[in-house]
Amino acid sequence: MELKSFDRDPGLKRDFLDFPKKLYGTDKNWAPYMISNQEDCLAPTFRFYQNPENCYRHFLIYSGIEVAGRITAFVNHGMHDDQGKAVKALGFFECIDDKNIASRLIGAGVEWLLRQNGSDRILGPINFDIWAGYRFLKSCGRNPYLLEPYNKPGYSLYFSDFGFREKYLWYSYHLSQPEEVRQLAGTGTMRQEMFMSKGYRFESMEDRDFDQSLTIIYQIMQKSFSGFKSFTPISLADFMNIFYAFEKMIDPALFTFVYDPQNKPVGFVCSLPDWADALRFKYRKETRAAWYASRHLTKMILYMGGILPEHSQNEPGLGRAMFAYNLQCMLRRGAGELFVALIAAGNKSMNYMTDFENNRSGSYALYEYEV
């Protein structure tokens, strides 16, 4: 086994980027859209490289002439730990099913990070920042939905065996019947009516300019997500580019906004049709199946939402009302199944899912290593 490290070597960079396609080549749940942003992440124009304080090192391990694993170690001065120190992290981890190779890769990344200034803790996996991908999928008994984290089943164990511990947890839920979607929507309908009587307004993005809508989401998210320790501020232009990448898959009816009595936008919900099956069929050149799946998008994903902190604190129930409105929009769009995506453990949104504990269908973790 040969371990190589690099920052900008073109040949090693190509091996680094091509490895996932070889690793997952026979996996029917995988498709290239899952790593479509990684070319951008290694391009010199990527936002991470624009901060001269940031530093990184990529690692590849070879078995003969074939890549057997990869990892990136980095310090991001746009992310800070509890003491305000720059976050150290590992990302872009992929590896064949070999504990020794995984341990050597993780060890190489940790050893490099120990020589850098910054936090005395190491997080992982994060691909430079949370916008480019983070978290391991720990368990899932179904095909992944669009934008769901996806990885080989042993990755969490490799990090745990090295000494990483679970720092943050998330869960997804799968409601497989329209009746369950209606039941979930029903829990917030009365609250929606109450807020409407107080002068609040709920509407979708259908009649709004796309860029204007993204600007509203960006402004609310900067405040509503700021409490998450690994939240990474990014520019409005970078934020828009993330959404432009899958603009054609967005249904404007599934982007919800709530306005206060003064007509100020104070919250949003972003839901998406689940294009994952169509994209997987297309990748496998199953043209007829891909065509059919793209025209029968009855699976929906309740992907993310946020409310300005002052409204979340002073108007209890507004979040549930907003989600109820969004779910009603899905039902009008013919939703037959719903994935409620990536709710953080301890988040009060977990309360919405109290009656659906048996529908929990995915768990995910971000890990931490104490130096």
Protein backbone atom coordinates (compact mmCIF):
# COMPACT_ATOMS: atom_id res chain seq x y z
CA MET A 1 0.00 0.00 0.00
CA GLU A 2 1.29 3.44 -0.92
CA LEU A 3 0.01 6.66 0.67
CA LYS A 4 0.31 9.87 -1.33
CA SER A 5 -0.64 13.41 -0.35
CA PHE A 6 -1.10 16.49 -2.50
CA ASP A 7 -2.75 19.85 -2.82
CA ARG A 8 -2.95 20.67 -6.55
CA ASP A 9 -1.25 17.83 -8.44
CA PRO A 10 -3.43 17.37 -11.59
CA GLY A 11 -2.92 13.61 -11.92
CA LEU A 12 -3.59 12.83 -8.26
CA LYS A 13 -6.55 15.20 -8.31
CA ARG A 14 -8.05 13.21 -11.19
CA ASP A 15 -7.57 9.95 -9.28
CA PHE A 16 -9.17 11.56 -6.24
CA LEU A 17 -12.25 12.68 -8.17
CA ASP A 18 -12.67 9.48 -10.20
CA PHE A 19 -12.46 7.08 -7.26
CA PRO A 20 -16.15 7.23 -6.13
CA LYS A 21 -17.38 6.20 -9.59
CA LYS A 22 -15.18 3.10 -9.44
CA LEU A 23 -16.05 2.36 -5.82
CA TYR A 24 -19.83 2.59 -6.30
CA GLY A 25 -19.96 1.39 -9.89
CA THR A 26 -22.16 -1.67 -9.18
CA ASP A 27 -24.23 -0.05 -6.42
CA LYS A 28 -27.76 0.41 -7.77
CA ASN A 29 -28.53 3.04 -5.12
CA TRP A 30 -25.71 5.32 -6.27
CA ALA A 31 -25.62 7.85 -9.12
CA PRO A 32 -23.10 10.56 -10.11
CA TYR A 33 -25.42 13.39 -9.02
CA MET A 34 -24.43 12.48 -5.44
CA ILE A 35 -20.91 13.83 -6.05
CA SER A 36 -21.67 16.33 -8.81
CA ASN A 37 -20.34 19.26 -6.77
CA GLN A 38 -16.94 17.70 -6.00
CA GLU A 39 -15.30 18.89 -9.22
CA ASP A 40 -16.21 22.42 -8.12
CA CYS A 41 -14.89 21.79 -4.59
CA LEU A 42 -11.43 21.02 -5.96
CA ALA A 43 -11.41 23.91 -8.46
CA PRO A 44 -9.20 26.92 -7.55
CA THR A 45 -12.23 29.23 -7.67
CA PHE A 46 -14.08 27.35 -4.89
CA ARG A 47 -14.99 29.54 -1.92
CA PHE A 48 -12.82 27.61 0.57
CA TYR A 49 -9.61 28.65 -1.21
CA GLN A 50 -10.51 32.35 -1.22
CA ASN A 51 -9.60 32.68 2.48
CA PRO A 52 -5.78 32.76 2.64
CA GLU A 53 -5.85 31.46 6.22
CA ASN A 54 -7.52 28.20 5.20
CA CYS A 55 -5.27 25.20 4.63
CA TYR A 56 -5.79 21.61 3.47
CA ARG A 57 -4.16 18.38 2.32
CA HIS A 58 -5.62 15.57 0.21
CA PHE A 59 -4.57 11.96 0.76
CA LEU A 60 -4.82 8.92 -1.54
CA ILE A 61 -3.91 5.34 -0.75
CA TYR A 62 -3.08 2.91 -3.56
CA SER A 63 -3.19 -0.86 -3.77
CA GLY A 64 -0.81 -1.42 -6.67
CA ILE A 65 -1.91 1.07 -9.30
CA GLU A 66 -5.54 1.23 -8.11
CA VAL A 67 -6.87 3.80 -5.66
CA ALA A 68 -8.14 2.11 -2.49
CA GLY A 69 -9.18 5.17 -0.51
CA ARG A 70 -9.09 8.93 -0.15
CA ILE A 71 -9.55 11.64 2.50
CA THR A 72 -9.02 15.40 2.91
CA ALA A 73 -7.80 17.14 6.05
CA PHE A 74 -8.44 20.88 6.34
CA VAL A 75 -8.73 23.90 8.62
CA ASN A 76 -11.59 26.28 7.80
CA HIS A 77 -11.31 29.72 9.42
CA GLY A 78 -14.92 30.46 8.44
CA MET A 79 -16.08 27.79 10.92
CA HIS A 80 -15.43 28.03 14.66
CA ASP A 81 -15.68 25.75 17.69
CA ASP A 82 -17.06 26.68 21.11
CA GLN A 83 -13.85 28.56 21.96
CA GLY A 84 -13.91 30.53 18.73
CA LYS A 85 -11.02 28.58 17.21
CA ALA A 86 -10.94 27.60 13.54
CA VAL A 87 -12.50 24.19 12.89
CA LYS A 88 -10.29 21.27 11.91
CA ALA A 89 -12.04 18.53 9.95
CA LEU A 90 -11.80 15.51 7.68
CA GLY A 91 -13.89 15.16 4.54
CA PHE A 92 -14.30 13.55 1.13
CA PHE A 93 -13.72 10.17 2.78
CA GLU A 94 -14.17 7.11 0.58
CA CYS A 95 -12.58 3.70 1.05
CA ILE A 96 -12.80 0.08 -0.02
CA ASP A 97 -14.06 -2.34 2.63
CA ASP A 98 -10.79 -2.58 4.55
CA LYS A 99 -10.45 -1.43 8.17
CA ASN A 100 -6.65 -1.15 8.00
CA ILE A 101 -6.73 1.07 4.93
CA ALA A 102 -9.44 3.24 6.49
CA SER A 103 -7.45 3.59 9.71
CA ARG A 104 -4.31 4.55 7.81
CA LEU A 105 -6.18 7.22 5.84
CA ILE A 106 -7.89 8.69 8.91
CA GLY A 107 -4.60 8.57 10.80
CA ALA A 108 -2.78 10.44 8.04
CA GLY A 109 -5.42 13.18 8.09
CA VAL A 110 -5.41 13.47 11.88
CA GLU A 111 -1.60 13.57 12.02
CA TRP A 112 -1.52 16.42 9.49
CA LEU A 113 -4.19 18.36 11.40
CA LEU A 114 -2.30 18.04 14.68
CA ARG A 115 0.47 20.14 13.14
CA GLN A 116 -1.94 22.96 12.21
CA ASN A 117 -3.22 25.84 14.32
CA GLY A 118 -6.89 25.75 15.27
CA SER A 119 -9.31 23.76 17.37
CA ASP A 120 -8.25 20.95 19.69
CA ARG A 121 -11.09 18.88 18.22
CA ILE A 122 -11.47 17.38 14.75
CA LEU A 123 -14.87 17.02 13.07
CA GLY A 124 -15.85 14.70 10.25
CA PRO A 125 -17.03 14.12 7.68
CA ILE A 126 -17.34 17.63 6.23
CA ASN A 127 -16.43 18.46 2.63
CA PHE A 128 -14.79 21.85 3.37
CA ASP A 129 -18.11 23.24 4.69
CA ILE A 130 -21.64 22.02 5.35
CA TRP A 131 -22.89 23.36 2.02
CA ALA A 132 -20.70 20.96 0.03
CA GLY A 133 -21.73 17.88 2.02
CA TYR A 134 -21.32 16.47 5.49
CA ARG A 135 -22.52 13.65 7.80
CA PHE A 136 -22.35 9.89 7.41
CA LEU A 137 -25.43 7.84 6.70
CA LYS A 138 -25.48 5.32 9.57
CA SER A 139 -28.53 3.23 8.71
CA CYS A 140 -31.19 3.13 6.02
CA GLY A 141 -33.36 0.29 4.72
CA ARG A 142 -34.46 1.83 1.41
CA ASN A 143 -33.28 3.66 -1.70
CA PRO A 144 -31.81 7.09 -0.85
CA TYR A 145 -33.89 10.15 -1.64
CA LEU A 146 -32.55 13.16 -3.57
CA LEU A 147 -29.75 15.00 -1.68
CA GLU A 148 -29.66 12.42 1.13
CA PRO A 149 -26.18 11.61 2.46
CA TYR A 150 -25.02 8.26 1.08
CA ASN A 151 -21.93 6.19 1.78
CA LYS A 152 -20.66 2.66 2.28
CA PRO A 153 -22.08 1.06 5.45
CA GLY A 154 -18.75 0.70 7.27
CA TYR A 155 -17.70 4.35 7.31
CA SER A 156 -19.23 5.26 10.69
CA LEU A 157 -17.56 2.24 12.27
CA TYR A 158 -14.16 3.16 10.79
CA PHE A 159 -14.33 6.60 12.40
CA SER A 160 -15.61 5.20 15.72
CA ASP A 161 -12.87 2.57 15.82
CA PHE A 162 -10.26 5.30 15.36
CA GLY A 163 -11.58 7.18 18.38
CA PHE A 164 -14.15 9.58 16.93
CA ARG A 165 -17.46 9.87 18.81
CA GLU A 166 -20.87 10.97 17.61
CA LYS A 167 -21.20 14.73 18.07
CA TYR A 168 -24.47 15.47 16.25
CA LEU A 169 -27.28 13.18 15.08
CA TRP A 170 -30.05 13.59 12.50
CA TYR A 171 -33.04 11.47 11.50
CA SER A 172 -35.26 11.10 8.44
CA TYR A 173 -38.82 9.78 8.32
CA HIS A 174 -40.65 8.01 5.51
CA LEU A 175 -44.42 8.43 5.28
CA SER A 176 -45.43 5.91 2.65
CA GLN A 177 -49.16 6.72 2.35
CA PRO A 178 -51.03 9.94 1.46
CA GLU A 179 -53.15 9.44 4.59
CA GLU A 180 -50.01 9.78 6.73
CA VAL A 181 -49.06 12.99 4.92
CA ARG A 182 -52.57 14.36 5.61
CA GLN A 183 -52.26 13.32 9.25
CA LEU A 184 -48.97 15.18 9.61
CA ALA A 185 -50.39 18.25 7.86
CA GLY A 186 -53.45 18.16 10.12
CA THR A 187 -51.37 18.75 13.24
CA GLY A 188 -50.67 22.32 12.12
CA THR A 189 -53.83 23.31 10.29
CA MET A 190 -55.50 24.92 13.31
CA ARG A 191 -52.34 26.88 14.05
CA GLN A 192 -52.19 28.05 10.44
CA GLU A 193 -55.74 29.37 10.70
CA MET A 194 -54.91 31.07 13.98
CA PHE A 195 -51.91 32.89 12.53
CA MET A 196 -53.86 33.91 9.43
CA SER A 197 -56.46 35.50 11.72
CA LYS A 198 -53.62 37.50 13.31
CA GLY A 199 -52.53 38.87 9.93
CA TYR A 200 -49.86 36.36 8.94
CA ARG A 201 -49.80 35.26 5.30
CA PHE A 202 -48.65 31.93 3.79
CA GLU A 203 -47.79 31.64 0.11
CA SER A 204 -45.70 29.60 -2.30
CA MET A 205 -42.99 30.68 -4.73
CA GLU A 206 -45.20 30.18 -7.80
CA ASP A 207 -45.76 33.88 -8.45
CA ARG A 208 -42.35 35.08 -7.30
CA ASP A 209 -39.03 35.58 -9.10
CA PHE A 210 -36.64 32.69 -8.42
CA ASP A 211 -33.65 34.89 -7.48
CA GLN A 212 -35.82 37.04 -5.23
CA SER A 213 -37.07 33.91 -3.45
CA LEU A 214 -33.54 32.61 -2.95
CA THR A 215 -32.53 35.97 -1.49
CA ILE A 216 -35.33 35.75 1.07
CA ILE A 217 -34.36 32.19 2.00
CA TYR A 218 -30.70 33.22 2.31
CA GLN A 219 -31.48 36.18 4.58
CA ILE A 220 -33.67 34.12 6.92
CA MET A 221 -31.28 31.17 6.95
CA GLN A 222 -28.29 33.29 7.96
CA LYS A 223 -30.09 34.05 11.23
CA SER A 224 -32.15 30.92 11.83
CA PHE A 225 -29.23 28.52 11.23
CA SER A 226 -26.54 30.54 13.01
CA GLY A 227 -26.85 28.52 16.23
CA PHE A 228 -25.53 25.36 14.59
CA LYS A 229 -21.88 25.08 15.61
CA SER A 230 -20.62 24.02 12.17
CA PHE A 231 -22.71 26.54 10.26
CA THR A 232 -20.53 28.18 7.62
CA PRO A 233 -21.52 31.64 6.36
CA ILE A 234 -21.33 31.90 2.58
CA SER A 235 -22.01 34.68 0.10
CA LEU A 236 -25.40 35.15 -1.52
CA ALA A 237 -23.81 34.35 -4.91
CA ASP A 238 -22.45 31.00 -3.64
CA PHE A 239 -25.79 30.20 -2.02
CA MET A 240 -27.64 30.87 -5.27
CA ASN A 241 -25.22 28.70 -7.24
CA ILE A 242 -26.05 25.75 -4.97
CA PHE A 243 -29.73 26.05 -5.91
CA TYR A 244 -29.05 26.82 -9.58
CA ALA A 245 -27.44 23.37 -9.83
CA PHE A 246 -30.83 21.68 -9.43
CA GLU A 247 -33.17 24.52 -10.46
CA LYS A 248 -34.91 22.34 -13.08
CA MET A 249 -35.90 19.85 -10.37
CA ILE A 250 -37.56 22.51 -8.19
CA ASP A 251 -41.34 22.82 -8.10
CA PRO A 252 -42.13 26.45 -7.11
CA ALA A 253 -45.36 25.32 -5.46
CA LEU A 254 -43.31 23.46 -2.85
CA PHE A 255 -41.31 26.47 -1.65
CA THR A 256 -43.33 28.13 1.12
CA PHE A 257 -42.95 31.56 2.71
CA VAL A 258 -44.67 33.09 5.71
CA TYR A 259 -45.08 36.86 6.16
CA ASP A 260 -45.86 38.69 9.38
CA PRO A 261 -48.67 41.30 9.68
CA GLN A 262 -46.19 43.99 8.53
CA ASN A 263 -45.61 41.99 5.31
CA LYS A 264 -42.07 41.03 6.31
CA PRO A 265 -40.88 37.51 5.32
CA VAL A 266 -40.10 35.67 8.54
CA GLY A 267 -39.94 31.99 7.58
CA PHE A 268 -39.59 29.50 4.73
CA VAL A 269 -39.90 25.80 3.90
CA CYS A 270 -38.17 24.16 0.93
CA SER A 271 -39.60 20.87 -0.30
CA LEU A 272 -38.69 19.00 -3.48
CA PRO A 273 -40.03 16.27 -5.72
CA ASP A 274 -37.83 13.22 -5.29
CA TRP A 275 -35.97 12.86 -8.58
CA ALA A 276 -33.57 10.23 -7.20
CA ASP A 277 -35.13 7.20 -8.94
CA ALA A 278 -35.22 8.97 -12.31
CA LEU A 279 -31.57 10.00 -11.99
CA ARG A 280 -30.48 6.50 -10.98
CA PHE A 281 -32.36 4.95 -13.92
CA LYS A 282 -30.83 7.51 -16.27
CA TYR A 283 -27.31 6.72 -15.00
CA ARG A 284 -27.91 2.99 -15.59
CA LYS A 285 -29.24 3.79 -19.10
CA GLU A 286 -32.67 2.39 -18.25
CA THR A 287 -34.28 4.98 -20.49
CA ARG A 288 -37.90 3.86 -20.29
CA ALA A 289 -37.82 3.58 -16.49
CA ALA A 290 -36.13 7.00 -16.21
CA TRP A 291 -38.76 8.58 -18.45
CA TYR A 292 -41.60 7.05 -16.42
CA ALA A 293 -40.08 8.03 -13.06
CA SER A 294 -39.54 11.63 -14.19
CA ARG A 295 -43.24 11.95 -15.06
CA HIS A 296 -44.63 10.31 -11.94
CA LEU A 297 -42.98 12.30 -9.18
CA THR A 298 -45.30 11.35 -6.33
CA LYS A 299 -42.52 11.07 -3.74
CA MET A 300 -41.80 14.38 -2.01
CA ILE A 301 -39.02 15.55 0.31
CA LEU A 302 -39.62 18.05 3.10
CA TYR A 303 -36.04 19.22 2.96
CA MET A 304 -35.45 22.27 5.15
CA GLY A 305 -37.04 25.27 6.78
CA GLY A 306 -36.22 28.20 9.00
CA ILE A 307 -37.85 31.00 10.99
CA LEU A 308 -36.32 34.23 12.23
CA PRO A 309 -35.32 33.60 15.87
CA GLU A 310 -37.49 36.36 17.31
CA HIS A 311 -40.61 34.90 15.66
CA SER A 312 -39.70 31.36 16.65
CA GLN A 313 -39.44 32.47 20.28
CA ASN A 314 -42.39 34.87 20.42
CA GLU A 315 -44.88 33.05 18.17
CA PRO A 316 -45.00 29.38 19.29
CA GLY A 317 -46.64 27.19 16.69
CA LEU A 318 -45.68 29.32 13.69
CA GLY A 319 -43.24 26.69 12.45
CA ARG A 320 -45.84 23.94 12.64
CA ALA A 321 -48.33 26.16 10.78
CA MET A 322 -45.79 26.84 8.05
CA PHE A 323 -44.99 23.15 7.60
CA ALA A 324 -48.73 22.36 7.48
CA TYR A 325 -49.20 24.82 4.62
CA ASN A 326 -46.27 23.28 2.76
CA LEU A 327 -47.66 19.76 3.22
CA GLN A 328 -51.03 20.90 1.88
CA CYS A 329 -49.22 22.20 -1.23
CA MET A 330 -47.61 18.76 -1.64
CA LEU A 331 -50.94 16.99 -1.39
CA ARG A 332 -52.39 19.25 -4.07
CA ARG A 333 -49.39 18.25 -6.20
CA GLY A 334 -50.31 14.57 -5.81
CA ALA A 335 -47.92 13.53 -3.04
CA GLY A 336 -48.17 9.80 -2.40
CA GLU A 337 -45.08 9.46 -0.22
CA LEU A 338 -43.07 11.87 1.89
CA PHE A 339 -39.55 11.93 3.26
CA VAL A 340 -39.13 14.31 6.18
CA ALA A 341 -35.43 14.92 5.83
CA LEU A 342 -32.60 15.30 8.28
CA ILE A 343 -34.15 16.58 11.51
CA ALA A 344 -31.45 17.24 14.08
CA ALA A 345 -31.76 15.32 17.34
CA GLY A 346 -33.01 17.72 19.98
CA ASN A 347 -34.51 20.13 17.45
CA LYS A 348 -38.06 21.07 18.40
CA SER A 349 -39.18 19.96 14.92
CA MET A 350 -38.81 16.43 16.30
CA ASN A 351 -42.02 17.16 18.24
CA TYR A 352 -43.92 17.22 14.93
CA MET A 353 -42.98 13.58 14.39
CA THR A 354 -44.07 12.18 17.77
CA ASP A 355 -46.82 10.08 16.16
CA PHE A 356 -44.46 8.79 13.46
CA GLU A 357 -41.63 7.19 15.42
CA ASN A 358 -42.23 3.92 13.56
CA ASN A 359 -41.65 5.80 10.29
CA ARG A 360 -38.06 6.72 11.15
CA SER A 361 -36.05 5.43 8.18
CA GLY A 362 -32.58 6.93 8.28
CA SER A 363 -30.01 8.09 10.81
CA TYR A 364 -26.90 10.21 10.23
CA ALA A 365 -23.99 11.46 12.31
CA LEU A 366 -21.22 14.02 12.41
CA TYR A 367 -18.24 12.81 14.45
CA GLU A 368 -15.71 14.50 16.70
CA TYR A 369 -12.20 13.50 17.75
CA GLU A 370 -10.64 15.07 20.84
CA VAL A 371 -6.92 15.70 20.48
